[in-house]
Amino acid sequence: SALNVAFSETGDPARLVSRGNQIIKDALGQQKGDEGDSDDGLEMGICLVEPDRMRVTFAGARFDLIMGQGSEFEVIKGDKCSVGYRYVDFDQKFTNHSIRLNPGQRFYLYTDGIPDQVGGEKRRSFGRKRLIEMLKNVSHMSLVDQEPHLKRTFEDYQGSESRRDDVSIIGIMPLG
């Protein structure tokens, strides 16, 4: 796949996102600006976890990382640019965020289908604020034990509303 090619070329998350952008634009014929065959792309986030260096490096293309420790949570914002689309420069650069790794820290990557899901009594988006609250409520649990609680909370909120997008969340707790 395109990402496997990009990953084999560099271990740097920001360069990997940039290279992924180039590979996708080439594969879809979108390096030609307005003359491209299509206008498709995606959001992506990449974490490089280095326990031996006590560091996590994150780069995101319209993709954020949630970092939590105990009841304290913080959003590490990715760049405001997607990858692949015609409007994105072929040589678009992305930003690395270097985070000092502390014992017990957890990191969450999630697709936009979670905050964008409509539901609840007022038929509003789930939102990032509610997502962080949901993660805080299960922060005392292991990542494995969090899964059924997160799923139930999300599905209860969704109710009878149709799912508009994919919904995925990955929890990472580095061992060190």
N, C-alpha and C. Protein backbone atom coordinates (compact mmCIF):
# COMPACT_ATOMS: atom_id res chain seq x y z
N SER A 1 0.84 -1.19 0.00
CA SER A 1 0.00 0.00 0.00
C SER A 1 0.88 1.25 0.00
N ALA A 2 0.25 2.37 -0.29
CA ALA A 2 0.98 3.64 -0.36
C ALA A 2 1.63 3.98 0.98
N LEU A 3 0.93 3.71 2.08
CA LEU A 3 1.49 4.04 3.39
C LEU A 3 2.66 3.13 3.74
N ASN A 4 2.62 1.87 3.33
CA ASN A 4 3.76 0.99 3.56
C ASN A 4 5.00 1.50 2.83
N VAL A 5 4.80 1.97 1.61
CA VAL A 5 5.91 2.55 0.84
C VAL A 5 6.47 3.76 1.57
N ALA A 6 5.58 4.65 1.99
CA ALA A 6 6.02 5.87 2.68
C ALA A 6 6.74 5.53 3.97
N PHE A 7 6.22 4.58 4.73
CA PHE A 7 6.83 4.22 6.01
C PHE A 7 8.21 3.61 5.82
N SER A 8 8.39 2.86 4.75
CA SER A 8 9.70 2.25 4.50
C SER A 8 10.75 3.31 4.15
N GLU A 9 10.30 4.49 3.71
CA GLU A 9 11.21 5.55 3.31
C GLU A 9 11.62 6.46 4.47
N THR A 10 10.77 6.58 5.49
CA THR A 10 11.06 7.48 6.59
C THR A 10 10.37 7.02 7.86
N GLY A 11 10.98 7.27 9.00
CA GLY A 11 10.35 6.95 10.28
C GLY A 11 9.86 8.20 10.98
N ASP A 12 9.93 9.34 10.32
CA ASP A 12 9.53 10.62 10.88
C ASP A 12 8.04 10.86 10.58
N PRO A 13 7.17 10.99 11.60
CA PRO A 13 5.74 11.11 11.33
C PRO A 13 5.35 12.24 10.38
N ALA A 14 5.90 13.43 10.55
CA ALA A 14 5.53 14.55 9.67
C ALA A 14 5.96 14.28 8.23
N ARG A 15 7.15 13.76 8.06
CA ARG A 15 7.62 13.42 6.71
C ARG A 15 6.80 12.28 6.12
N LEU A 16 6.36 11.37 6.98
CA LEU A 16 5.53 10.26 6.53
C LEU A 16 4.18 10.75 6.03
N VAL A 17 3.56 11.69 6.75
CA VAL A 17 2.29 12.27 6.30
C VAL A 17 2.51 13.02 4.98
N SER A 18 3.59 13.80 4.89
CA SER A 18 3.90 14.52 3.65
C SER A 18 4.10 13.56 2.48
N ARG A 19 4.85 12.51 2.72
CA ARG A 19 5.11 11.53 1.67
C ARG A 19 3.82 10.81 1.28
N GLY A 20 2.97 10.50 2.27
CA GLY A 20 1.67 9.90 1.98
C GLY A 20 0.84 10.80 1.08
N ASN A 21 0.89 12.11 1.33
CA ASN A 21 0.19 13.08 0.49
C ASN A 21 0.65 12.96 -0.96
N GLN A 22 1.97 12.91 -1.16
CA GLN A 22 2.52 12.83 -2.51
C GLN A 22 2.11 11.52 -3.21
N ILE A 23 2.18 10.43 -2.48
CA ILE A 23 1.85 9.13 -3.06
C ILE A 23 0.37 9.08 -3.45
N ILE A 24 -0.50 9.59 -2.59
CA ILE A 24 -1.93 9.60 -2.89
C ILE A 24 -2.23 10.50 -4.08
N LYS A 25 -1.61 11.69 -4.11
CA LYS A 25 -1.83 12.61 -5.24
C LYS A 25 -1.37 11.97 -6.55
N ASP A 26 -0.22 11.31 -6.53
CA ASP A 26 0.28 10.63 -7.73
C ASP A 26 -0.66 9.50 -8.14
N ALA A 27 -1.07 8.68 -7.18
CA ALA A 27 -1.91 7.51 -7.49
C ALA A 27 -3.27 7.92 -8.07
N LEU A 28 -3.80 9.06 -7.62
CA LEU A 28 -5.12 9.50 -8.06
C LEU A 28 -5.06 10.56 -9.15
N GLY A 29 -3.86 10.89 -9.62
CA GLY A 29 -3.72 11.90 -10.67
C GLY A 29 -4.14 13.28 -10.21
N GLN A 30 -3.87 13.60 -8.95
CA GLN A 30 -4.31 14.88 -8.38
C GLN A 30 -3.17 15.87 -8.17
N GLN A 31 -2.02 15.61 -8.75
CA GLN A 31 -0.90 16.53 -8.61
C GLN A 31 -0.98 17.67 -9.62
N LYS A 32 -2.03 17.67 -10.44
CA LYS A 32 -2.15 18.64 -11.52
C LYS A 32 -3.05 19.82 -11.16
N GLY A 33 -3.32 20.05 -9.91
CA GLY A 33 -4.21 21.15 -9.53
C GLY A 33 -5.62 20.92 -10.00
N ASP A 34 -6.22 21.91 -10.64
CA ASP A 34 -7.62 21.82 -11.09
C ASP A 34 -7.83 20.84 -12.23
N GLU A 35 -6.77 20.36 -12.85
CA GLU A 35 -6.91 19.48 -14.01
C GLU A 35 -6.90 18.01 -13.64
N GLY A 36 -6.87 17.68 -12.36
CA GLY A 36 -6.77 16.29 -11.93
C GLY A 36 -7.98 15.46 -12.32
N ASP A 37 -7.78 14.15 -12.30
CA ASP A 37 -8.84 13.21 -12.65
C ASP A 37 -9.91 13.11 -11.56
N SER A 38 -9.54 13.41 -10.34
CA SER A 38 -10.48 13.31 -9.21
C SER A 38 -10.07 14.33 -8.15
N ASP A 39 -10.83 14.38 -7.09
CA ASP A 39 -10.47 15.24 -5.95
C ASP A 39 -10.81 14.49 -4.67
N ASP A 40 -9.98 13.51 -4.36
CA ASP A 40 -10.17 12.68 -3.17
C ASP A 40 -8.98 12.82 -2.25
N GLY A 41 -9.19 12.51 -1.00
CA GLY A 41 -8.12 12.55 -0.02
C GLY A 41 -8.60 11.99 1.28
N LEU A 42 -7.87 12.29 2.32
CA LEU A 42 -8.22 11.75 3.63
C LEU A 42 -7.55 12.55 4.73
N GLU A 43 -7.99 12.25 5.95
CA GLU A 43 -7.35 12.78 7.14
C GLU A 43 -6.51 11.63 7.70
N MET A 44 -5.40 11.97 8.32
CA MET A 44 -4.59 10.90 8.90
C MET A 44 -3.77 11.42 10.07
N GLY A 45 -3.49 10.52 11.00
CA GLY A 45 -2.63 10.84 12.13
C GLY A 45 -1.66 9.69 12.34
N ILE A 46 -0.44 10.04 12.68
CA ILE A 46 0.60 9.03 12.89
C ILE A 46 1.33 9.33 14.19
N CYS A 47 1.46 8.29 15.02
CA CYS A 47 2.22 8.39 16.27
C CYS A 47 3.43 7.48 16.19
N LEU A 48 4.56 8.00 16.56
CA LEU A 48 5.77 7.20 16.72
C LEU A 48 6.04 7.14 18.22
N VAL A 49 5.92 5.95 18.80
CA VAL A 49 6.12 5.76 20.24
C VAL A 49 7.52 5.19 20.44
N GLU A 50 8.33 5.92 21.21
CA GLU A 50 9.71 5.51 21.48
C GLU A 50 9.93 5.42 22.99
N PRO A 51 9.54 4.30 23.62
CA PRO A 51 9.67 4.19 25.08
C PRO A 51 11.11 4.32 25.55
N ASP A 52 12.07 3.83 24.75
CA ASP A 52 13.48 3.93 25.14
C ASP A 52 13.96 5.38 25.19
N ARG A 53 13.32 6.26 24.43
CA ARG A 53 13.67 7.69 24.44
C ARG A 53 12.66 8.51 25.25
N MET A 54 11.67 7.80 25.84
CA MET A 54 10.62 8.45 26.63
C MET A 54 9.93 9.56 25.83
N ARG A 55 9.56 9.21 24.57
CA ARG A 55 8.99 10.22 23.70
C ARG A 55 7.94 9.62 22.77
N VAL A 56 6.92 10.43 22.51
CA VAL A 56 5.92 10.13 21.48
C VAL A 56 5.96 11.30 20.51
N THR A 57 6.02 11.01 19.23
CA THR A 57 5.98 12.06 18.21
C THR A 57 4.71 11.85 17.39
N PHE A 58 3.93 12.92 17.25
CA PHE A 58 2.65 12.86 16.54
C PHE A 58 2.62 13.88 15.42
N ALA A 59 2.09 13.47 14.29
CA ALA A 59 1.79 14.39 13.18
C ALA A 59 0.40 14.06 12.68
N GLY A 60 -0.38 15.09 12.40
CA GLY A 60 -1.74 14.86 11.93
C GLY A 60 -2.12 15.78 10.79
N ALA A 61 -2.90 15.24 9.87
CA ALA A 61 -3.45 16.00 8.75
C ALA A 61 -4.96 16.04 8.99
N ARG A 62 -5.44 17.18 9.53
CA ARG A 62 -6.84 17.31 9.95
C ARG A 62 -7.22 16.15 10.88
N PHE A 63 -6.31 15.85 11.78
CA PHE A 63 -6.44 14.70 12.67
C PHE A 63 -5.76 15.08 13.97
N ASP A 64 -6.46 14.91 15.09
CA ASP A 64 -5.92 15.28 16.39
C ASP A 64 -5.63 14.04 17.23
N LEU A 65 -4.81 14.24 18.24
CA LEU A 65 -4.46 13.20 19.20
C LEU A 65 -4.96 13.65 20.57
N ILE A 66 -5.60 12.76 21.30
CA ILE A 66 -5.99 13.06 22.67
C ILE A 66 -5.00 12.36 23.59
N MET A 67 -4.43 13.13 24.52
CA MET A 67 -3.47 12.60 25.47
C MET A 67 -4.09 12.70 26.86
N GLY A 68 -4.05 11.60 27.60
CA GLY A 68 -4.64 11.62 28.93
C GLY A 68 -3.73 10.99 29.97
N GLN A 69 -3.81 11.54 31.17
CA GLN A 69 -3.10 10.96 32.30
C GLN A 69 -3.97 11.21 33.53
N GLY A 70 -4.46 10.13 34.13
CA GLY A 70 -5.41 10.29 35.22
C GLY A 70 -6.66 10.95 34.68
N SER A 71 -7.07 12.04 35.33
CA SER A 71 -8.27 12.76 34.87
C SER A 71 -7.92 13.98 34.03
N GLU A 72 -6.63 14.17 33.74
CA GLU A 72 -6.19 15.31 32.91
C GLU A 72 -6.05 14.86 31.46
N PHE A 73 -6.74 15.58 30.58
CA PHE A 73 -6.70 15.27 29.16
C PHE A 73 -6.36 16.52 28.37
N GLU A 74 -5.64 16.31 27.28
CA GLU A 74 -5.23 17.42 26.43
C GLU A 74 -5.34 16.99 24.97
N VAL A 75 -5.71 17.92 24.11
CA VAL A 75 -5.80 17.64 22.68
C VAL A 75 -4.55 18.20 22.01
N ILE A 76 -3.84 17.35 21.30
CA ILE A 76 -2.70 17.76 20.49
C ILE A 76 -3.24 17.90 19.07
N LYS A 77 -3.28 19.13 18.59
CA LYS A 77 -3.91 19.39 17.29
C LYS A 77 -2.95 19.12 16.14
N GLY A 78 -3.47 18.41 15.15
CA GLY A 78 -2.74 18.21 13.91
C GLY A 78 -2.87 19.45 13.04
N ASP A 79 -2.23 19.42 11.90
CA ASP A 79 -2.33 20.54 10.96
C ASP A 79 -3.74 20.60 10.37
N LYS A 80 -4.13 21.78 9.90
CA LYS A 80 -5.49 21.99 9.39
C LYS A 80 -5.62 21.62 7.92
N CYS A 81 -4.73 20.81 7.42
CA CYS A 81 -4.69 20.44 6.01
C CYS A 81 -4.81 18.92 5.88
N SER A 82 -5.65 18.45 4.97
CA SER A 82 -5.78 17.01 4.69
C SER A 82 -4.65 16.57 3.77
N VAL A 83 -4.68 15.32 3.36
CA VAL A 83 -3.72 14.82 2.37
C VAL A 83 -4.46 14.36 1.12
N GLY A 84 -3.81 14.53 -0.01
CA GLY A 84 -4.30 14.00 -1.27
C GLY A 84 -5.15 14.93 -2.11
N TYR A 85 -5.97 15.74 -1.50
CA TYR A 85 -6.89 16.58 -2.27
C TYR A 85 -6.13 17.53 -3.21
N ARG A 86 -6.81 17.97 -4.26
CA ARG A 86 -6.19 18.85 -5.25
C ARG A 86 -5.67 20.15 -4.65
N TYR A 87 -6.40 20.72 -3.69
CA TYR A 87 -6.00 22.01 -3.12
C TYR A 87 -4.75 21.91 -2.25
N VAL A 88 -4.34 20.71 -1.89
CA VAL A 88 -3.17 20.52 -1.04
C VAL A 88 -1.92 20.52 -1.91
N ASP A 89 -0.94 21.35 -1.55
CA ASP A 89 0.32 21.40 -2.30
C ASP A 89 0.97 20.03 -2.32
N PHE A 90 1.60 19.71 -3.43
CA PHE A 90 2.29 18.43 -3.57
C PHE A 90 3.38 18.29 -2.51
N ASP A 91 4.07 19.39 -2.22
CA ASP A 91 5.16 19.37 -1.24
C ASP A 91 4.72 19.89 0.13
N GLN A 92 3.44 19.75 0.46
CA GLN A 92 2.90 20.22 1.74
C GLN A 92 3.72 19.65 2.90
N LYS A 93 4.09 20.51 3.83
CA LYS A 93 4.83 20.09 5.02
C LYS A 93 3.85 19.97 6.19
N PHE A 94 4.11 19.03 7.05
CA PHE A 94 3.29 18.82 8.24
C PHE A 94 4.18 18.95 9.47
N THR A 95 3.55 19.09 10.63
CA THR A 95 4.25 19.42 11.87
C THR A 95 4.36 18.21 12.79
N ASN A 96 5.55 17.99 13.33
CA ASN A 96 5.75 16.99 14.39
C ASN A 96 5.49 17.64 15.74
N HIS A 97 4.79 16.92 16.60
CA HIS A 97 4.58 17.34 17.98
C HIS A 97 5.29 16.30 18.85
N SER A 98 6.33 16.74 19.55
CA SER A 98 7.09 15.84 20.40
C SER A 98 6.56 15.93 21.83
N ILE A 99 6.22 14.79 22.40
CA ILE A 99 5.60 14.73 23.72
C ILE A 99 6.45 13.86 24.62
N ARG A 100 6.80 14.40 25.78
CA ARG A 100 7.55 13.61 26.75
C ARG A 100 6.64 12.53 27.31
N LEU A 101 7.12 11.32 27.30
CA LEU A 101 6.35 10.17 27.75
C LEU A 101 6.46 10.02 29.26
N ASN A 102 5.32 9.98 29.93
CA ASN A 102 5.28 9.79 31.38
C ASN A 102 4.56 8.48 31.68
N PRO A 103 4.92 7.81 32.78
CA PRO A 103 4.25 6.56 33.14
C PRO A 103 2.74 6.75 33.26
N GLY A 104 1.99 5.81 32.72
CA GLY A 104 0.54 5.85 32.83
C GLY A 104 -0.17 6.70 31.80
N GLN A 105 0.57 7.39 30.96
CA GLN A 105 -0.07 8.20 29.92
C GLN A 105 -0.79 7.31 28.92
N ARG A 106 -1.87 7.86 28.38
CA ARG A 106 -2.61 7.17 27.33
C ARG A 106 -2.83 8.13 26.18
N PHE A 107 -2.84 7.57 25.01
CA PHE A 107 -3.02 8.36 23.79
C PHE A 107 -4.15 7.75 22.98
N TYR A 108 -4.98 8.61 22.40
CA TYR A 108 -6.12 8.14 21.63
C TYR A 108 -6.14 8.82 20.26
N LEU A 109 -6.18 7.99 19.24
CA LEU A 109 -6.40 8.45 17.86
C LEU A 109 -7.82 8.03 17.51
N TYR A 110 -8.56 8.91 16.86
CA TYR A 110 -9.96 8.61 16.57
C TYR A 110 -10.36 9.21 15.22
N THR A 111 -11.30 8.57 14.57
CA THR A 111 -11.80 9.09 13.30
C THR A 111 -12.86 10.15 13.56
N ASP A 112 -13.07 11.01 12.59
CA ASP A 112 -14.02 12.11 12.76
C ASP A 112 -15.47 11.64 12.81
N GLY A 113 -15.71 10.37 12.50
CA GLY A 113 -17.06 9.84 12.62
C GLY A 113 -17.58 9.84 14.04
N ILE A 114 -16.68 9.83 15.02
CA ILE A 114 -17.11 9.85 16.43
C ILE A 114 -17.65 11.23 16.80
N PRO A 115 -16.85 12.29 16.73
CA PRO A 115 -17.41 13.60 17.11
C PRO A 115 -18.51 14.09 16.18
N ASP A 116 -18.53 13.64 14.94
CA ASP A 116 -19.54 14.10 13.98
C ASP A 116 -20.88 13.37 14.10
N GLN A 117 -20.93 12.27 14.86
CA GLN A 117 -22.16 11.47 14.95
C GLN A 117 -23.28 12.25 15.62
N VAL A 118 -24.41 12.32 14.96
CA VAL A 118 -25.59 12.99 15.50
C VAL A 118 -26.33 12.03 16.42
N GLY A 119 -26.89 12.58 17.50
CA GLY A 119 -27.66 11.75 18.43
C GLY A 119 -28.12 12.58 19.61
N GLY A 120 -28.45 11.88 20.68
CA GLY A 120 -28.93 12.55 21.89
C GLY A 120 -30.33 13.12 21.69
N GLU A 121 -30.88 13.62 22.78
CA GLU A 121 -32.25 14.17 22.75
C GLU A 121 -32.38 15.33 21.77
N LYS A 122 -31.33 16.14 21.66
CA LYS A 122 -31.40 17.33 20.80
C LYS A 122 -30.86 17.10 19.39
N ARG A 123 -30.52 15.83 19.08
CA ARG A 123 -29.99 15.48 17.76
C ARG A 123 -28.79 16.36 17.38
N ARG A 124 -27.84 16.45 18.28
CA ARG A 124 -26.61 17.23 18.05
C ARG A 124 -25.43 16.29 17.89
N SER A 125 -24.35 16.83 17.35
CA SER A 125 -23.13 16.05 17.18
C SER A 125 -22.58 15.60 18.53
N PHE A 126 -21.98 14.42 18.54
CA PHE A 126 -21.37 13.89 19.75
C PHE A 126 -20.31 14.86 20.26
N GLY A 127 -19.47 15.35 19.37
CA GLY A 127 -18.49 16.38 19.69
C GLY A 127 -17.25 15.88 20.41
N ARG A 128 -16.19 16.66 20.30
CA ARG A 128 -14.93 16.29 20.95
C ARG A 128 -15.00 16.45 22.46
N LYS A 129 -15.72 17.44 22.93
CA LYS A 129 -15.86 17.65 24.37
C LYS A 129 -16.50 16.42 25.03
N ARG A 130 -17.56 15.91 24.43
CA ARG A 130 -18.23 14.71 24.96
C ARG A 130 -17.30 13.50 24.85
N LEU A 131 -16.53 13.41 23.77
CA LEU A 131 -15.57 12.32 23.61
C LEU A 131 -14.55 12.33 24.74
N ILE A 132 -14.01 13.50 25.06
CA ILE A 132 -13.03 13.60 26.14
C ILE A 132 -13.67 13.24 27.48
N GLU A 133 -14.90 13.69 27.72
CA GLU A 133 -15.62 13.33 28.95
C GLU A 133 -15.78 11.82 29.04
N MET A 134 -16.13 11.19 27.91
CA MET A 134 -16.30 9.74 27.87
C MET A 134 -14.99 9.05 28.23
N LEU A 135 -13.87 9.56 27.71
CA LEU A 135 -12.56 8.97 28.01
C LEU A 135 -12.19 9.19 29.47
N LYS A 136 -12.51 10.35 30.02
CA LYS A 136 -12.24 10.61 31.44
C LYS A 136 -13.00 9.62 32.32
N ASN A 137 -14.24 9.32 31.93
CA ASN A 137 -15.08 8.43 32.73
C ASN A 137 -14.55 7.00 32.80
N VAL A 138 -13.72 6.62 31.85
CA VAL A 138 -13.17 5.26 31.85
C VAL A 138 -11.65 5.26 32.09
N SER A 139 -11.09 6.40 32.45
CA SER A 139 -9.63 6.52 32.56
C SER A 139 -9.04 5.62 33.64
N HIS A 140 -9.84 5.20 34.60
CA HIS A 140 -9.35 4.32 35.67
C HIS A 140 -9.28 2.86 35.22
N MET A 141 -9.79 2.56 34.03
CA MET A 141 -9.83 1.19 33.52
C MET A 141 -8.66 0.91 32.58
N SER A 142 -8.38 -0.37 32.40
CA SER A 142 -7.39 -0.75 31.38
C SER A 142 -7.99 -0.44 30.01
N LEU A 143 -7.13 -0.34 29.01
CA LEU A 143 -7.63 -0.07 27.66
C LEU A 143 -8.60 -1.15 27.20
N VAL A 144 -8.31 -2.40 27.52
CA VAL A 144 -9.18 -3.51 27.13
C VAL A 144 -10.56 -3.35 27.77
N ASP A 145 -10.59 -2.98 29.04
CA ASP A 145 -11.87 -2.82 29.74
C ASP A 145 -12.63 -1.57 29.30
N GLN A 146 -11.93 -0.60 28.73
CA GLN A 146 -12.60 0.62 28.27
C GLN A 146 -13.51 0.35 27.07
N GLU A 147 -13.11 -0.57 26.22
CA GLU A 147 -13.80 -0.78 24.94
C GLU A 147 -15.31 -0.96 25.06
N PRO A 148 -15.82 -1.90 25.89
CA PRO A 148 -17.28 -2.06 25.93
C PRO A 148 -18.01 -0.83 26.48
N HIS A 149 -17.38 -0.12 27.40
CA HIS A 149 -17.99 1.09 27.96
C HIS A 149 -18.05 2.21 26.93
N LEU A 150 -16.97 2.39 26.18
CA LEU A 150 -16.95 3.41 25.13
C LEU A 150 -17.99 3.10 24.06
N LYS A 151 -18.04 1.85 23.66
CA LYS A 151 -18.99 1.43 22.63
C LYS A 151 -20.43 1.66 23.09
N ARG A 152 -20.74 1.26 24.32
CA ARG A 152 -22.10 1.41 24.84
C ARG A 152 -22.49 2.89 24.95
N THR A 153 -21.58 3.72 25.48
CA THR A 153 -21.86 5.15 25.63
C THR A 153 -22.13 5.78 24.27
N PHE A 154 -21.29 5.45 23.30
CA PHE A 154 -21.45 6.02 21.96
C PHE A 154 -22.76 5.55 21.32
N GLU A 155 -23.04 4.26 21.40
CA GLU A 155 -24.26 3.73 20.79
C GLU A 155 -25.52 4.25 21.48
N ASP A 156 -25.47 4.43 22.80
CA ASP A 156 -26.61 5.02 23.52
C ASP A 156 -26.86 6.44 23.03
N TYR A 157 -25.79 7.20 22.82
CA TYR A 157 -25.94 8.57 22.32
C TYR A 157 -26.50 8.56 20.90
N GLN A 158 -25.99 7.68 20.07
CA GLN A 158 -26.43 7.59 18.68
C GLN A 158 -27.92 7.27 18.60
N GLY A 159 -28.39 6.41 19.48
CA GLY A 159 -29.80 6.04 19.48
C GLY A 159 -30.22 5.47 18.14
N SER A 160 -31.32 5.97 17.61
CA SER A 160 -31.85 5.46 16.34
C SER A 160 -31.32 6.21 15.12
N GLU A 161 -30.43 7.18 15.36
CA GLU A 161 -29.84 7.92 14.24
C GLU A 161 -28.94 7.00 13.42
N SER A 162 -28.92 7.21 12.11
CA SER A 162 -28.05 6.39 11.27
C SER A 162 -26.60 6.83 11.46
N ARG A 163 -25.69 5.89 11.24
CA ARG A 163 -24.27 6.19 11.33
C ARG A 163 -23.84 6.80 10.01
N ARG A 164 -23.24 7.99 10.07
CA ARG A 164 -22.90 8.74 8.86
C ARG A 164 -21.50 8.45 8.34
N ASP A 165 -20.66 7.94 9.20
CA ASP A 165 -19.25 7.78 8.83
C ASP A 165 -18.69 6.61 9.63
N ASP A 166 -17.47 6.22 9.28
CA ASP A 166 -16.82 5.18 10.07
C ASP A 166 -16.50 5.74 11.45
N VAL A 167 -16.53 4.87 12.45
CA VAL A 167 -16.18 5.28 13.81
C VAL A 167 -15.13 4.31 14.34
N SER A 168 -13.96 4.85 14.62
CA SER A 168 -12.85 4.05 15.13
C SER A 168 -12.09 4.87 16.15
N ILE A 169 -11.60 4.17 17.17
CA ILE A 169 -10.74 4.81 18.16
C ILE A 169 -9.66 3.80 18.54
N ILE A 170 -8.45 4.29 18.64
CA ILE A 170 -7.31 3.45 19.03
C ILE A 170 -6.73 4.04 20.30
N GLY A 171 -6.63 3.23 21.33
CA GLY A 171 -6.00 3.65 22.57
C GLY A 171 -4.60 3.06 22.66
N ILE A 172 -3.66 3.89 23.06
CA ILE A 172 -2.26 3.46 23.17
C ILE A 172 -1.77 3.78 24.57
N MET A 173 -1.23 2.77 25.25
CA MET A 173 -0.61 2.99 26.55
C MET A 173 0.79 2.39 26.46
N PRO A 174 1.78 3.25 26.19
CA PRO A 174 3.15 2.75 26.01
C PRO A 174 3.67 2.09 27.29
N LEU A 175 4.37 1.01 27.10
CA LEU A 175 5.02 0.33 28.22
C LEU A 175 6.46 0.79 28.24
N GLY A 176 6.95 1.06 29.41
CA GLY A 176 8.32 1.55 29.44
C GLY A 176 9.03 1.28 30.71
